[in-house]
Amino acid sequence: MGQPEFGERYGEAVASAYDRMAEEYDVFDADTPFLINDSRVTRATLEALRPRWEGKVVLDVGAGTGLQTAQFAPRARRVLALDLAADLLRKAREKVTGLGCRNVTFLHGDATSLPLPDGSVDFVCCYGDVIGLIPDYATAIAEMARVCRPGGTVTIEYDNKWHVGLLWRPDELARALRARGRGDKRIWTYTYLTRAERVDFVYKTYTGREMTRLLTGAGLRVVRRLGLHMASSIVPEPYQTVYKDGQPLYDTFKRLILALGRLDALLRASPGMSRVGYAAILVAEKPAAR
């Protein structure tokens, strides 16, 4: 794909690239130190938030192969799993069917135009790289707020503008310094496991203040902030993914990343952690109607 830029056809390019990942996505997810650490925190976060979604209607935005959907399905009243990539949704359907759950509806669609009525869901989850890959992210956040009922919850994971791993990427650090008061765009290169192909994604990073403004502007109130990948980001990025490019001492660094990830999980709710990790999670409420 070269060096893609956000544009009106970028969503199609992202969907196509993720569709080609469908058969290997769960393998990549299970073997990647970064994603193992990420999943540890997101699963624990959703478990802590269970009183907000158990027995209720949940919308999983950017459901992918169903990592969060499978966590919701056994306990939610109904789950709506939405993704732009049809083949990822097919894998999610297989996963949920294997659990014996019949309460999940799969929606092939765009987060900027959710096919749902106002106030129709109790809990909206948007975890992973989803919000960073949406060019019109403000509209997507406004849509999540629109479909959330008064008194409901919206929780979003996003990539931070600032994190310790920038010390290894002076080019990205320079771009971050030039983008004053807001996040910048970066390139993430995915190397397929089962084909001789790479794909470049443009993704948007955010500052904590910027994401808070977006949520507040959509009528939501932030009630919790969590950090991810704080200490573990000190290890250079090539070691954060699966072994593909001949990284020396890969197994040693993988063990270090996972050990630091366990420390990160313990510190995730400490003050300031949401501002210094590679990623962050915000939990927001939609004020109840008066």
C-alpha atoms as a PDB file:
ATOM      1  CA  MET A   1       0.000   0.000   0.000  1.00  0.00           C
ATOM      2  CA  GLY A   2       2.980   2.330   0.247  1.00  0.00           C
ATOM      3  CA  GLN A   3       2.409   5.318   2.531  1.00  0.00           C
ATOM      4  CA  PRO A   4      -1.386   5.738   2.643  1.00  0.00           C
ATOM      5  CA  GLU A   5      -3.041   8.939   3.777  1.00  0.00           C
ATOM      6  CA  PHE A   6      -6.425   9.412   5.382  1.00  0.00           C
ATOM      7  CA  GLY A   7      -8.983   9.940   2.656  1.00  0.00           C
ATOM      8  CA  GLU A   8     -12.494   9.036   1.631  1.00  0.00           C
ATOM      9  CA  ARG A   9     -11.411   5.552   0.446  1.00  0.00           C
ATOM     10  CA  TYR A  10      -9.126   4.823   3.382  1.00  0.00           C
ATOM     11  CA  GLY A  11     -11.809   2.820   5.169  1.00  0.00           C
ATOM     12  CA  GLU A  12     -12.060   0.472   2.192  1.00  0.00           C
ATOM     13  CA  ALA A  13      -8.291  -0.047   2.214  1.00  0.00           C
ATOM     14  CA  VAL A  14      -8.312  -0.794   5.955  1.00  0.00           C
ATOM     15  CA  ALA A  15     -11.195  -3.260   5.607  1.00  0.00           C
ATOM     16  CA  SER A  16      -9.449  -5.041   2.731  1.00  0.00           C
ATOM     17  CA  ALA A  17      -6.176  -5.309   4.658  1.00  0.00           C
ATOM     18  CA  TYR A  18      -7.897  -6.688   7.756  1.00  0.00           C
ATOM     19  CA  ASP A  19      -9.949  -9.128   5.684  1.00  0.00           C
ATOM     20  CA  ARG A  20      -6.666 -10.561   4.402  1.00  0.00           C
ATOM     21  CA  MET A  21      -5.583 -10.991   8.048  1.00  0.00           C
ATOM     22  CA  ALA A  22      -8.693 -12.942   9.043  1.00  0.00           C
ATOM     23  CA  GLU A  23      -7.227 -16.452   9.021  1.00  0.00           C
ATOM     24  CA  GLU A  24      -4.070 -15.412  10.907  1.00  0.00           C
ATOM     25  CA  TYR A  25      -5.401 -12.653  13.143  1.00  0.00           C
ATOM     26  CA  ASP A  26      -5.976 -14.778  16.233  1.00  0.00           C
ATOM     27  CA  VAL A  27      -2.530 -16.384  15.862  1.00  0.00           C
ATOM     28  CA  PHE A  28      -0.952 -12.932  15.670  1.00  0.00           C
ATOM     29  CA  ASP A  29      -3.011 -11.811  18.650  1.00  0.00           C
ATOM     30  CA  ALA A  30      -2.009 -14.806  20.781  1.00  0.00           C
ATOM     31  CA  ASP A  31       1.738 -14.652  20.004  1.00  0.00           C
ATOM     32  CA  THR A  32       2.377 -10.893  20.089  1.00  0.00           C
ATOM     33  CA  PRO A  33       3.814  -9.638  23.421  1.00  0.00           C
ATOM     34  CA  PHE A  34       2.208  -6.215  22.972  1.00  0.00           C
ATOM     35  CA  LEU A  35      -1.256  -7.702  22.391  1.00  0.00           C
ATOM     36  CA  ILE A  36      -0.907 -10.244  25.185  1.00  0.00           C
ATOM     37  CA  ASN A  37      -0.244  -7.367  27.584  1.00  0.00           C
ATOM     38  CA  ASP A  38      -3.052  -5.336  26.034  1.00  0.00           C
ATOM     39  CA  SER A  39      -5.547  -8.162  26.407  1.00  0.00           C
ATOM     40  CA  ARG A  40      -4.620  -8.637  30.068  1.00  0.00           C
ATOM     41  CA  VAL A  41      -5.651  -5.048  30.815  1.00  0.00           C
ATOM     42  CA  THR A  42      -8.724  -4.871  28.569  1.00  0.00           C
ATOM     43  CA  ARG A  43     -10.145  -8.127  29.952  1.00  0.00           C
ATOM     44  CA  ALA A  44      -9.571  -6.982  33.534  1.00  0.00           C
ATOM     45  CA  THR A  45     -11.113  -3.594  32.755  1.00  0.00           C
ATOM     46  CA  LEU A  46     -14.248  -5.101  31.253  1.00  0.00           C
ATOM     47  CA  GLU A  47     -14.545  -7.499  34.176  1.00  0.00           C
ATOM     48  CA  ALA A  48     -14.358  -4.554  36.587  1.00  0.00           C
ATOM     49  CA  LEU A  49     -17.034  -2.800  34.509  1.00  0.00           C
ATOM     50  CA  ARG A  50     -19.284  -5.894  34.398  1.00  0.00           C
ATOM     51  CA  PRO A  51     -22.032  -4.339  36.571  1.00  0.00           C
ATOM     52  CA  ARG A  52     -22.449  -1.763  33.787  1.00  0.00           C
ATOM     53  CA  TRP A  53     -23.033  -4.343  31.014  1.00  0.00           C
ATOM     54  CA  GLU A  54     -24.095  -7.663  32.522  1.00  0.00           C
ATOM     55  CA  GLY A  55     -27.678  -8.482  31.521  1.00  0.00           C
ATOM     56  CA  LYS A  56     -27.775  -5.426  29.245  1.00  0.00           C
ATOM     57  CA  VAL A  57     -27.385  -4.467  25.583  1.00  0.00           C
ATOM     58  CA  VAL A  58     -23.746  -4.063  24.516  1.00  0.00           C
ATOM     59  CA  LEU A  59     -22.293  -2.570  21.328  1.00  0.00           C
ATOM     60  CA  ASP A  60     -18.770  -3.739  20.415  1.00  0.00           C
ATOM     61  CA  VAL A  61     -17.395  -1.211  17.897  1.00  0.00           C
ATOM     62  CA  GLY A  62     -14.581  -2.641  15.798  1.00  0.00           C
ATOM     63  CA  ALA A  63     -15.302  -6.144  17.045  1.00  0.00           C
ATOM     64  CA  GLY A  64     -12.685  -7.787  14.832  1.00  0.00           C
ATOM     65  CA  THR A  65     -12.526 -11.546  15.438  1.00  0.00           C
ATOM     66  CA  GLY A  66     -14.595 -11.168  18.599  1.00  0.00           C
ATOM     67  CA  LEU A  67     -12.094 -10.874  21.460  1.00  0.00           C
ATOM     68  CA  GLN A  68     -14.357  -8.559  23.484  1.00  0.00           C
ATOM     69  CA  THR A  69     -17.562  -9.922  21.966  1.00  0.00           C
ATOM     70  CA  ALA A  70     -16.739 -13.369  23.355  1.00  0.00           C
ATOM     71  CA  GLN A  71     -16.226 -11.848  26.805  1.00  0.00           C
ATOM     72  CA  PHE A  72     -19.585 -10.039  26.670  1.00  0.00           C
ATOM     73  CA  ALA A  73     -21.762 -12.715  25.093  1.00  0.00           C
ATOM     74  CA  PRO A  74     -22.138 -15.202  27.988  1.00  0.00           C
ATOM     75  CA  ARG A  75     -23.362 -12.507  30.400  1.00  0.00           C
ATOM     76  CA  ALA A  76     -24.914  -9.694  28.360  1.00  0.00           C
ATOM     77  CA  ARG A  77     -28.569  -9.721  27.370  1.00  0.00           C
ATOM     78  CA  ARG A  78     -27.662  -8.883  23.783  1.00  0.00           C
ATOM     79  CA  VAL A  79     -24.420  -8.012  21.970  1.00  0.00           C
ATOM     80  CA  LEU A  80     -24.143  -6.035  18.742  1.00  0.00           C
ATOM     81  CA  ALA A  81     -20.754  -6.676  17.115  1.00  0.00           C
ATOM     82  CA  LEU A  82     -19.842  -4.162  14.410  1.00  0.00           C
ATOM     83  CA  ASP A  83     -16.852  -4.143  12.091  1.00  0.00           C
ATOM     84  CA  LEU A  84     -15.896  -2.802   8.681  1.00  0.00           C
ATOM     85  CA  ALA A  85     -14.087  -6.048   7.754  1.00  0.00           C
ATOM     86  CA  ALA A  86     -16.567  -8.796   6.838  1.00  0.00           C
ATOM     87  CA  ASP A  87     -14.040 -11.643   7.111  1.00  0.00           C
ATOM     88  CA  LEU A  88     -13.107 -10.637  10.656  1.00  0.00           C
ATOM     89  CA  LEU A  89     -16.798 -10.716  11.571  1.00  0.00           C
ATOM     90  CA  ARG A  90     -17.021 -14.220  10.082  1.00  0.00           C
ATOM     91  CA  LYS A  91     -14.262 -15.348  12.462  1.00  0.00           C
ATOM     92  CA  ALA A  92     -16.040 -13.609  15.348  1.00  0.00           C
ATOM     93  CA  ARG A  93     -19.253 -15.451  14.488  1.00  0.00           C
ATOM     94  CA  GLU A  94     -17.386 -18.774  14.533  1.00  0.00           C
ATOM     95  CA  LYS A  95     -15.882 -17.930  17.910  1.00  0.00           C
ATOM     96  CA  VAL A  96     -19.203 -16.963  19.495  1.00  0.00           C
ATOM     97  CA  THR A  97     -20.998 -19.958  17.989  1.00  0.00           C
ATOM     98  CA  GLY A  98     -18.356 -22.175  19.562  1.00  0.00           C
ATOM     99  CA  LEU A  99     -19.299 -20.718  22.944  1.00  0.00           C
ATOM    100  CA  GLY A 100     -22.922 -21.691  22.383  1.00  0.00           C
ATOM    101  CA  CYS A 101     -24.119 -18.071  22.540  1.00  0.00           C
ATOM    102  CA  ARG A 102     -27.150 -17.036  20.468  1.00  0.00           C
ATOM    103  CA  ASN A 103     -27.500 -13.460  21.651  1.00  0.00           C
ATOM    104  CA  VAL A 104     -25.024 -11.778  19.274  1.00  0.00           C
ATOM    105  CA  THR A 105     -25.979  -9.796  16.170  1.00  0.00           C
ATOM    106  CA  PHE A 106     -23.159  -9.117  13.701  1.00  0.00           C
ATOM    107  CA  LEU A 107     -23.237  -5.797  11.872  1.00  0.00           C
ATOM    108  CA  HIS A 108     -21.048  -5.148   8.837  1.00  0.00           C
ATOM    109  CA  GLY A 109     -20.810  -1.385   8.962  1.00  0.00           C
ATOM    110  CA  ASP A 110     -19.054   1.878   9.650  1.00  0.00           C
ATOM    111  CA  ALA A 111     -18.562   3.390  13.109  1.00  0.00           C
ATOM    112  CA  THR A 112     -19.290   6.851  11.708  1.00  0.00           C
ATOM    113  CA  SER A 113     -22.833   5.796  10.761  1.00  0.00           C
ATOM    114  CA  LEU A 114     -24.078   3.281  13.303  1.00  0.00           C
ATOM    115  CA  PRO A 115     -27.243   1.486  12.116  1.00  0.00           C
ATOM    116  CA  LEU A 116     -28.936   1.824  15.507  1.00  0.00           C
ATOM    117  CA  PRO A 117     -31.579   4.100  17.066  1.00  0.00           C
ATOM    118  CA  ASP A 118     -30.744   6.805  19.590  1.00  0.00           C
ATOM    119  CA  GLY A 119     -30.276   5.529  23.139  1.00  0.00           C
ATOM    120  CA  SER A 120     -30.655   1.872  22.139  1.00  0.00           C
ATOM    121  CA  VAL A 121     -27.633   0.340  23.930  1.00  0.00           C
ATOM    122  CA  ASP A 122     -26.453   0.361  27.534  1.00  0.00           C
ATOM    123  CA  PHE A 123     -22.719  -0.130  27.057  1.00  0.00           C
ATOM    124  CA  VAL A 124     -20.462   0.836  24.135  1.00  0.00           C
ATOM    125  CA  CYS A 125     -16.966  -0.635  23.893  1.00  0.00           C
ATOM    126  CA  CYS A 126     -14.353   0.455  21.332  1.00  0.00           C
ATOM    127  CA  TYR A 127     -11.065  -1.286  22.165  1.00  0.00           C
ATOM    128  CA  GLY A 128      -7.945  -2.022  20.130  1.00  0.00           C
ATOM    129  CA  ASP A 129      -6.644   0.226  17.348  1.00  0.00           C
ATOM    130  CA  VAL A 130     -10.149   1.061  16.128  1.00  0.00           C
ATOM    131  CA  ILE A 131     -10.497   4.771  16.905  1.00  0.00           C
ATOM    132  CA  GLY A 132      -7.014   5.535  15.595  1.00  0.00           C
ATOM    133  CA  LEU A 133      -7.845   4.091  12.176  1.00  0.00           C
ATOM    134  CA  ILE A 134     -11.025   6.131  11.638  1.00  0.00           C
ATOM    135  CA  PRO A 135     -10.345   9.369   9.732  1.00  0.00           C
ATOM    136  CA  ASP A 136     -13.556  11.015  10.974  1.00  0.00           C
ATOM    137  CA  TYR A 137     -12.987   9.974  14.579  1.00  0.00           C
ATOM    138  CA  ALA A 138     -15.051  12.844  16.026  1.00  0.00           C
ATOM    139  CA  THR A 139     -18.149  11.629  14.167  1.00  0.00           C
ATOM    140  CA  ALA A 140     -17.510   8.054  15.316  1.00  0.00           C
ATOM    141  CA  ILE A 141     -17.356   9.173  18.950  1.00  0.00           C
ATOM    142  CA  ALA A 142     -20.496  11.262  18.508  1.00  0.00           C
ATOM    143  CA  GLU A 143     -22.264   8.206  17.051  1.00  0.00           C
ATOM    144  CA  MET A 144     -21.240   6.048  20.026  1.00  0.00           C
ATOM    145  CA  ALA A 145     -22.637   8.696  22.357  1.00  0.00           C
ATOM    146  CA  ARG A 146     -25.829   8.968  20.310  1.00  0.00           C
ATOM    147  CA  VAL A 147     -26.716   5.276  20.504  1.00  0.00           C
ATOM    148  CA  CYS A 148     -25.819   5.041  24.213  1.00  0.00           C
ATOM    149  CA  ARG A 149     -28.821   5.424  26.499  1.00  0.00           C
ATOM    150  CA  PRO A 150     -28.829   8.118  29.216  1.00  0.00           C
ATOM    151  CA  GLY A 151     -27.077   6.619  32.221  1.00  0.00           C
ATOM    152  CA  GLY A 152     -25.108   4.233  29.988  1.00  0.00           C
ATOM    153  CA  THR A 153     -21.376   3.839  29.463  1.00  0.00           C
ATOM    154  CA  VAL A 154     -18.947   4.427  26.595  1.00  0.00           C
ATOM    155  CA  THR A 155     -15.376   3.150  26.926  1.00  0.00           C
ATOM    156  CA  ILE A 156     -12.637   3.763  24.346  1.00  0.00           C
ATOM    157  CA  GLU A 157      -9.034   2.597  24.015  1.00  0.00           C
ATOM    158  CA  TYR A 158      -6.694   4.866  22.054  1.00  0.00           C
ATOM    159  CA  ASP A 159      -2.998   5.310  21.316  1.00  0.00           C
ATOM    160  CA  ASN A 160      -1.205   8.051  23.215  1.00  0.00           C
ATOM    161  CA  LYS A 161       0.772  10.773  21.513  1.00  0.00           C
ATOM    162  CA  TRP A 162       3.507  10.532  24.157  1.00  0.00           C
ATOM    163  CA  HIS A 163       5.100   7.322  25.406  1.00  0.00           C
ATOM    164  CA  VAL A 164       8.565   6.151  26.358  1.00  0.00           C
ATOM    165  CA  GLY A 165       8.956   4.110  23.157  1.00  0.00           C
ATOM    166  CA  LEU A 166       9.378   7.363  21.213  1.00  0.00           C
ATOM    167  CA  LEU A 167      12.967   7.381  22.483  1.00  0.00           C
ATOM    168  CA  TRP A 168      13.636   4.656  19.904  1.00  0.00           C
ATOM    169  CA  ARG A 169      11.841   6.540  17.104  1.00  0.00           C
ATOM    170  CA  PRO A 170      13.350  10.025  16.711  1.00  0.00           C
ATOM    171  CA  ASP A 171      11.356  10.567  13.497  1.00  0.00           C
ATOM    172  CA  GLU A 172       8.060  10.000  15.313  1.00  0.00           C
ATOM    173  CA  LEU A 173       9.235  12.055  18.275  1.00  0.00           C
ATOM    174  CA  ALA A 174       9.972  14.966  15.934  1.00  0.00           C
ATOM    175  CA  ARG A 175       6.493  14.746  14.397  1.00  0.00           C
ATOM    176  CA  ALA A 176       4.916  14.607  17.843  1.00  0.00           C
ATOM    177  CA  LEU A 177       6.777  17.747  18.872  1.00  0.00           C
ATOM    178  CA  ARG A 178       5.538  19.558  15.773  1.00  0.00           C
ATOM    179  CA  ALA A 179       1.895  18.644  16.456  1.00  0.00           C
ATOM    180  CA  ARG A 180       1.142  21.044  19.281  1.00  0.00           C
ATOM    181  CA  GLY A 181      -1.809  20.380  21.586  1.00  0.00           C
ATOM    182  CA  ARG A 182      -3.076  17.345  19.695  1.00  0.00           C
ATOM    183  CA  GLY A 183      -2.045  13.893  18.613  1.00  0.00           C
ATOM    184  CA  ASP A 184      -0.205  13.192  15.395  1.00  0.00           C
ATOM    185  CA  LYS A 185      -0.511  10.580  12.650  1.00  0.00           C
ATOM    186  CA  ARG A 186       1.880   7.625  12.573  1.00  0.00           C
ATOM    187  CA  ILE A 187       2.512   4.623  10.353  1.00  0.00           C
ATOM    188  CA  TRP A 188       2.058   1.058  11.585  1.00  0.00           C
ATOM    189  CA  THR A 189       3.422  -1.635   9.260  1.00  0.00           C
ATOM    190  CA  TYR A 190       1.869  -5.086   9.501  1.00  0.00           C
ATOM    191  CA  THR A 191       3.815  -8.027   8.037  1.00  0.00           C
ATOM    192  CA  TYR A 192       1.496 -10.892   7.185  1.00  0.00           C
ATOM    193  CA  LEU A 193       2.353 -14.252   8.696  1.00  0.00           C
ATOM    194  CA  THR A 194       1.023 -16.369   5.840  1.00  0.00           C
ATOM    195  CA  ARG A 195       1.815 -14.308   2.749  1.00  0.00           C
ATOM    196  CA  ALA A 196       4.766 -12.337   1.405  1.00  0.00           C
ATOM    197  CA  GLU A 197       3.105  -8.991   1.922  1.00  0.00           C
ATOM    198  CA  ARG A 198       3.214  -5.974   4.174  1.00  0.00           C
ATOM    199  CA  VAL A 199       0.667  -3.247   4.623  1.00  0.00           C
ATOM    200  CA  ASP A 200       1.061   0.264   6.017  1.00  0.00           C
ATOM    201  CA  PHE A 201      -1.668   1.804   8.129  1.00  0.00           C
ATOM    202  CA  VAL A 202      -1.971   5.469   9.033  1.00  0.00           C
ATOM    203  CA  TYR A 203      -3.285   5.799  12.568  1.00  0.00           C
ATOM    204  CA  LYS A 204      -4.130   8.801  14.713  1.00  0.00           C
ATOM    205  CA  THR A 205      -2.740   9.260  18.214  1.00  0.00           C
ATOM    206  CA  TYR A 206      -4.302  11.464  20.892  1.00  0.00           C
ATOM    207  CA  THR A 207      -3.406  13.408  23.976  1.00  0.00           C
ATOM    208  CA  GLY A 208      -5.495  12.733  27.078  1.00  0.00           C
ATOM    209  CA  ARG A 209      -6.931  16.244  26.930  1.00  0.00           C
ATOM    210  CA  GLU A 210      -7.810  15.842  23.267  1.00  0.00           C
ATOM    211  CA  MET A 211      -9.712  12.587  23.820  1.00  0.00           C
ATOM    212  CA  THR A 212     -11.451  14.042  26.875  1.00  0.00           C
ATOM    213  CA  ARG A 213     -12.579  17.031  24.777  1.00  0.00           C
ATOM    214  CA  LEU A 214     -13.954  14.695  22.116  1.00  0.00           C
ATOM    215  CA  LEU A 215     -15.931  12.688  24.661  1.00  0.00           C
ATOM    216  CA  THR A 216     -17.144  15.782  26.490  1.00  0.00           C
ATOM    217  CA  GLY A 217     -18.139  17.401  23.198  1.00  0.00           C
ATOM    218  CA  ALA A 218     -20.273  14.334  22.465  1.00  0.00           C
ATOM    219  CA  GLY A 219     -22.130  14.813  25.759  1.00  0.00           C
ATOM    220  CA  LEU A 220     -20.210  12.258  27.835  1.00  0.00           C
ATOM    221  CA  ARG A 221     -18.473  12.596  31.206  1.00  0.00           C
ATOM    222  CA  VAL A 222     -15.148  10.813  31.799  1.00  0.00           C
ATOM    223  CA  VAL A 223     -15.180   8.873  35.077  1.00  0.00           C
ATOM    224  CA  ARG A 224     -12.108   6.634  34.821  1.00  0.00           C
ATOM    225  CA  ARG A 225      -8.680   6.713  33.162  1.00  0.00           C
ATOM    226  CA  LEU A 226      -6.363   3.731  32.735  1.00  0.00           C
ATOM    227  CA  GLY A 227      -2.909   3.349  31.215  1.00  0.00           C
ATOM    228  CA  LEU A 228      -1.482   0.517  29.111  1.00  0.00           C
ATOM    229  CA  HIS A 229       2.097  -0.335  28.113  1.00  0.00           C
ATOM    230  CA  MET A 230       3.830   2.159  30.373  1.00  0.00           C
ATOM    231  CA  ALA A 231       7.004   0.328  31.465  1.00  0.00           C
ATOM    232  CA  SER A 232       6.866  -2.306  28.704  1.00  0.00           C
ATOM    233  CA  SER A 233       7.218   0.350  25.975  1.00  0.00           C
ATOM    234  CA  ILE A 234      10.850   0.844  26.956  1.00  0.00           C
ATOM    235  CA  VAL A 235      11.618  -2.281  24.869  1.00  0.00           C
ATOM    236  CA  PRO A 236      12.065  -1.369  21.167  1.00  0.00           C
ATOM    237  CA  GLU A 237       9.048  -1.857  18.915  1.00  0.00           C
ATOM    238  CA  PRO A 238      10.381  -4.775  16.779  1.00  0.00           C
ATOM    239  CA  TYR A 239      10.273  -6.976  19.898  1.00  0.00           C
ATOM    240  CA  GLN A 240       6.675  -6.033  20.681  1.00  0.00           C
ATOM    241  CA  THR A 241       5.333  -8.094  17.777  1.00  0.00           C
ATOM    242  CA  VAL A 242       5.777 -11.737  16.724  1.00  0.00           C
ATOM    243  CA  TYR A 243       9.214 -12.973  15.628  1.00  0.00           C
ATOM    244  CA  LYS A 244       9.440 -12.133  11.921  1.00  0.00           C
ATOM    245  CA  ASP A 245      12.511 -10.090  11.069  1.00  0.00           C
ATOM    246  CA  GLY A 246      15.375 -11.875  12.802  1.00  0.00           C
ATOM    247  CA  GLN A 247      15.466  -9.821  16.003  1.00  0.00           C
ATOM    248  CA  PRO A 248      18.413 -10.976  18.157  1.00  0.00           C
ATOM    249  CA  LEU A 249      17.579 -12.301  21.650  1.00  0.00           C
ATOM    250  CA  TYR A 250      13.885 -12.226  20.762  1.00  0.00           C
ATOM    251  CA  ASP A 251      12.763 -14.737  23.400  1.00  0.00           C
ATOM    252  CA  THR A 252      14.642 -12.880  26.134  1.00  0.00           C
ATOM    253  CA  PHE A 253      13.054  -9.565  25.232  1.00  0.00           C
ATOM    254  CA  LYS A 254       9.613 -11.179  24.894  1.00  0.00           C
ATOM    255  CA  ARG A 255       9.872 -12.467  28.469  1.00  0.00           C
ATOM    256  CA  LEU A 256      10.944  -8.988  29.609  1.00  0.00           C
ATOM    257  CA  ILE A 257       8.000  -7.339  27.820  1.00  0.00           C
ATOM    258  CA  LEU A 258       5.543  -9.754  29.406  1.00  0.00           C
ATOM    259  CA  ALA A 259       7.060  -9.246  32.858  1.00  0.00           C
ATOM    260  CA  LEU A 260       6.867  -5.463  32.487  1.00  0.00           C
ATOM    261  CA  GLY A 261       3.309  -5.885  31.191  1.00  0.00           C
ATOM    262  CA  ARG A 262       2.325  -7.544  34.461  1.00  0.00           C
ATOM    263  CA  LEU A 263       3.755  -4.517  36.291  1.00  0.00           C
ATOM    264  CA  ASP A 264       1.839  -2.206  33.941  1.00  0.00           C
ATOM    265  CA  ALA A 265      -1.380  -4.069  34.721  1.00  0.00           C
ATOM    266  CA  LEU A 266      -0.875  -3.434  38.435  1.00  0.00           C
ATOM    267  CA  LEU A 267      -0.178   0.267  37.852  1.00  0.00           C
ATOM    268  CA  ARG A 268      -2.860   0.890  35.198  1.00  0.00           C
ATOM    269  CA  ALA A 269      -5.193   2.885  37.458  1.00  0.00           C
ATOM    270  CA  SER A 270      -2.485   4.885  39.255  1.00  0.00           C
ATOM    271  CA  PRO A 271      -2.664   8.671  38.776  1.00  0.00           C
ATOM    272  CA  GLY A 272      -1.082   9.852  35.536  1.00  0.00           C
ATOM    273  CA  MET A 273      -0.643   6.389  33.979  1.00  0.00           C
ATOM    274  CA  SER A 274      -3.149   7.120  31.208  1.00  0.00           C
ATOM    275  CA  ARG A 275      -0.869   9.936  30.006  1.00  0.00           C
ATOM    276  CA  VAL A 276       2.441   8.078  29.787  1.00  0.00           C
ATOM    277  CA  GLY A 277       1.605   4.642  28.360  1.00  0.00           C
ATOM    278  CA  TYR A 278       1.619   3.658  24.710  1.00  0.00           C
ATOM    279  CA  ALA A 279      -2.183   3.450  24.984  1.00  0.00           C
ATOM    280  CA  ALA A 280      -4.945   4.476  27.354  1.00  0.00           C
ATOM    281  CA  ILE A 281      -8.539   3.610  28.172  1.00  0.00           C
ATOM    282  CA  LEU A 282     -11.162   6.159  29.135  1.00  0.00           C
ATOM    283  CA  VAL A 283     -14.499   5.194  30.680  1.00  0.00           C
ATOM    284  CA  ALA A 284     -17.266   7.747  30.225  1.00  0.00           C
ATOM    285  CA  GLU A 285     -20.907   8.019  31.259  1.00  0.00           C
ATOM    286  CA  LYS A 286     -23.793   9.565  29.406  1.00  0.00           C
ATOM    287  CA  PRO A 287     -25.670  11.717  31.936  1.00  0.00           C
ATOM    288  CA  ALA A 288     -29.067  10.380  32.895  1.00  0.00           C
ATOM    289  CA  ALA A 289     -32.047  12.326  31.613  1.00  0.00           C
ATOM    290  CA  ARG A 290     -33.566  14.706  34.142  1.00  0.00           C
END
